[in-house]
Amino acid sequence: MSEEITFDSESPGVVRLAGPLTIDTCTRLFHQMEHHRERGIAIDILDLGDVTRVDSAGLALLLEWQSRRTAEGGRLRMKNAPSGLIHLAKLGNAVDLLEVSGKETAE
C-alpha cells in the first residue's frame, strides 16, 4: 500500500504537511515545492504537526529547502516537528542547520 503526504498551502507563506515524509513521498513533495517557488510563492513556515513518519530522505529534503530559502534571502521555519525528525537531526548533527521547533526540544 502506497502512502501519500499531503501538501496544503493554508495561508500565504505557510504550508502544512501531513503523512509520511519518506523516500516514497519526497520526490512528489519536492516537485510541489518547486512549483510554488517557480511561481514566486515564498514558503516561510512548514507546519509538520501532521507528519506521521520521517526518514533520512525526508530530513535531507527539509535541509535542501532550508538551504534554498536561505539562498533566496529568506527564512524557512519548521514548527510542530515530530520527535522522530528531531531525533534524526540529532543523529546527523543537523539540528543547528534546521530552524525547527517541535514536541521535543532540539537541545
Protein backbone atom coordinates (compact mmCIF):
# COMPACT_ATOMS: atom_id res chain seq x y z
CA MET A 1 0.00 0.00 0.00
CA SER A 2 1.42 3.35 -1.05
CA GLU A 3 1.16 6.15 1.47
CA GLU A 4 0.97 9.77 0.46
CA ILE A 5 1.89 13.03 2.04
CA THR A 6 -0.40 15.99 1.59
CA PHE A 7 0.79 19.50 0.86
CA ASP A 8 -1.69 22.15 1.95
CA SER A 9 -0.90 25.81 1.42
CA GLU A 10 -3.27 27.02 4.11
CA SER A 11 -2.30 30.70 4.03
CA PRO A 12 0.31 32.83 2.28
CA GLY A 13 3.78 31.65 3.23
CA VAL A 14 2.54 28.68 5.30
CA VAL A 15 2.43 25.06 4.20
CA ARG A 16 1.08 22.19 6.29
CA LEU A 17 2.42 18.71 5.58
CA ALA A 18 0.52 15.59 6.59
CA GLY A 19 1.51 11.93 6.27
CA PRO A 20 4.88 10.24 5.93
CA LEU A 21 7.89 12.32 4.91
CA THR A 22 9.91 9.46 3.48
CA ILE A 23 11.80 8.32 0.42
CA ASP A 24 8.46 7.20 -1.05
CA THR A 25 6.93 10.70 -0.84
CA CYS A 26 9.86 13.10 -1.19
CA THR A 27 10.03 13.26 -4.99
CA ARG A 28 6.41 14.35 -5.36
CA LEU A 29 6.74 16.77 -2.47
CA PHE A 30 9.91 18.26 -3.95
CA HIS A 31 8.07 18.95 -7.21
CA GLN A 32 5.18 20.61 -5.37
CA MET A 33 7.55 22.91 -3.51
CA GLU A 34 9.44 23.72 -6.72
CA HIS A 35 6.15 24.57 -8.43
CA HIS A 36 5.43 27.10 -5.68
CA ARG A 37 8.95 28.52 -5.89
CA GLU A 38 8.83 28.86 -9.68
CA ARG A 39 5.58 30.79 -9.37
CA GLY A 40 7.27 33.19 -6.94
CA ILE A 41 5.38 31.93 -3.90
CA ALA A 42 7.69 32.08 -0.90
CA ILE A 43 7.21 29.49 1.80
CA ASP A 44 8.35 30.76 5.19
CA ILE A 45 6.74 28.25 7.57
CA LEU A 46 6.32 24.49 7.29
CA ASP A 47 3.85 23.07 9.79
CA LEU A 48 4.94 19.48 10.38
CA GLY A 49 2.38 18.69 13.08
CA ASP A 50 0.60 16.06 10.98
CA VAL A 51 3.72 14.33 9.65
CA THR A 52 3.45 10.72 10.76
CA ARG A 53 6.92 9.40 9.92
CA VAL A 54 10.27 10.82 8.79
CA ASP A 55 13.29 9.05 7.34
CA SER A 56 16.69 10.30 6.20
CA ALA A 57 15.30 11.27 2.78
CA GLY A 58 12.73 13.47 4.49
CA LEU A 59 15.41 15.11 6.61
CA ALA A 60 17.55 15.69 3.51
CA LEU A 61 14.61 17.30 1.71
CA LEU A 62 13.97 19.68 4.62
CA LEU A 63 17.66 20.61 4.70
CA GLU A 64 17.57 21.29 0.95
CA TRP A 65 14.51 23.54 1.31
CA GLN A 66 16.16 25.34 4.22
CA SER A 67 19.28 25.93 2.11
CA ARG A 68 17.32 27.18 -0.91
CA ARG A 69 15.21 29.56 1.16
CA THR A 70 18.32 30.98 2.84
CA ALA A 71 19.99 31.44 -0.57
CA GLU A 72 16.92 33.43 -1.66
CA GLY A 73 17.40 35.74 1.32
CA GLY A 74 14.54 34.33 3.35
CA ARG A 75 13.99 32.04 6.30
CA LEU A 76 12.22 28.71 6.45
CA ARG A 77 10.92 27.86 9.89
CA MET A 78 9.52 24.46 10.73
CA LYS A 79 7.01 24.17 13.53
CA ASN A 80 5.40 21.22 15.29
CA ALA A 81 8.21 18.92 14.21
CA PRO A 82 7.65 15.29 15.20
CA SER A 83 10.10 13.84 17.70
CA GLY A 84 11.36 11.41 15.02
CA LEU A 85 12.59 14.32 12.90
CA ILE A 86 14.37 15.92 15.82
CA HIS A 87 15.93 12.57 16.71
CA LEU A 88 17.19 12.07 13.13
CA ALA A 89 18.55 15.61 13.03
CA LYS A 90 20.43 14.97 16.27
CA LEU A 91 21.89 11.74 14.92
CA GLY A 92 23.06 13.51 11.78
CA ASN A 93 24.37 16.56 13.65
CA ALA A 94 21.89 18.64 11.65
CA VAL A 95 19.88 20.22 14.47
CA ASP A 96 21.75 23.52 14.16
CA LEU A 97 21.08 23.61 10.41
CA LEU A 98 17.30 23.42 10.76
CA GLU A 99 15.18 26.19 12.19
CA VAL A 100 12.81 23.81 13.89
CA SER A 101 10.51 23.72 16.88
CA GLY A 102 8.68 20.64 17.96
CA LYS A 103 7.19 18.44 20.57
CA GLU A 104 10.66 17.75 22.00
CA THR A 105 13.41 20.29 22.50
CA ALA A 106 16.21 20.18 19.97
CA GLU A 107 18.89 20.70 22.62
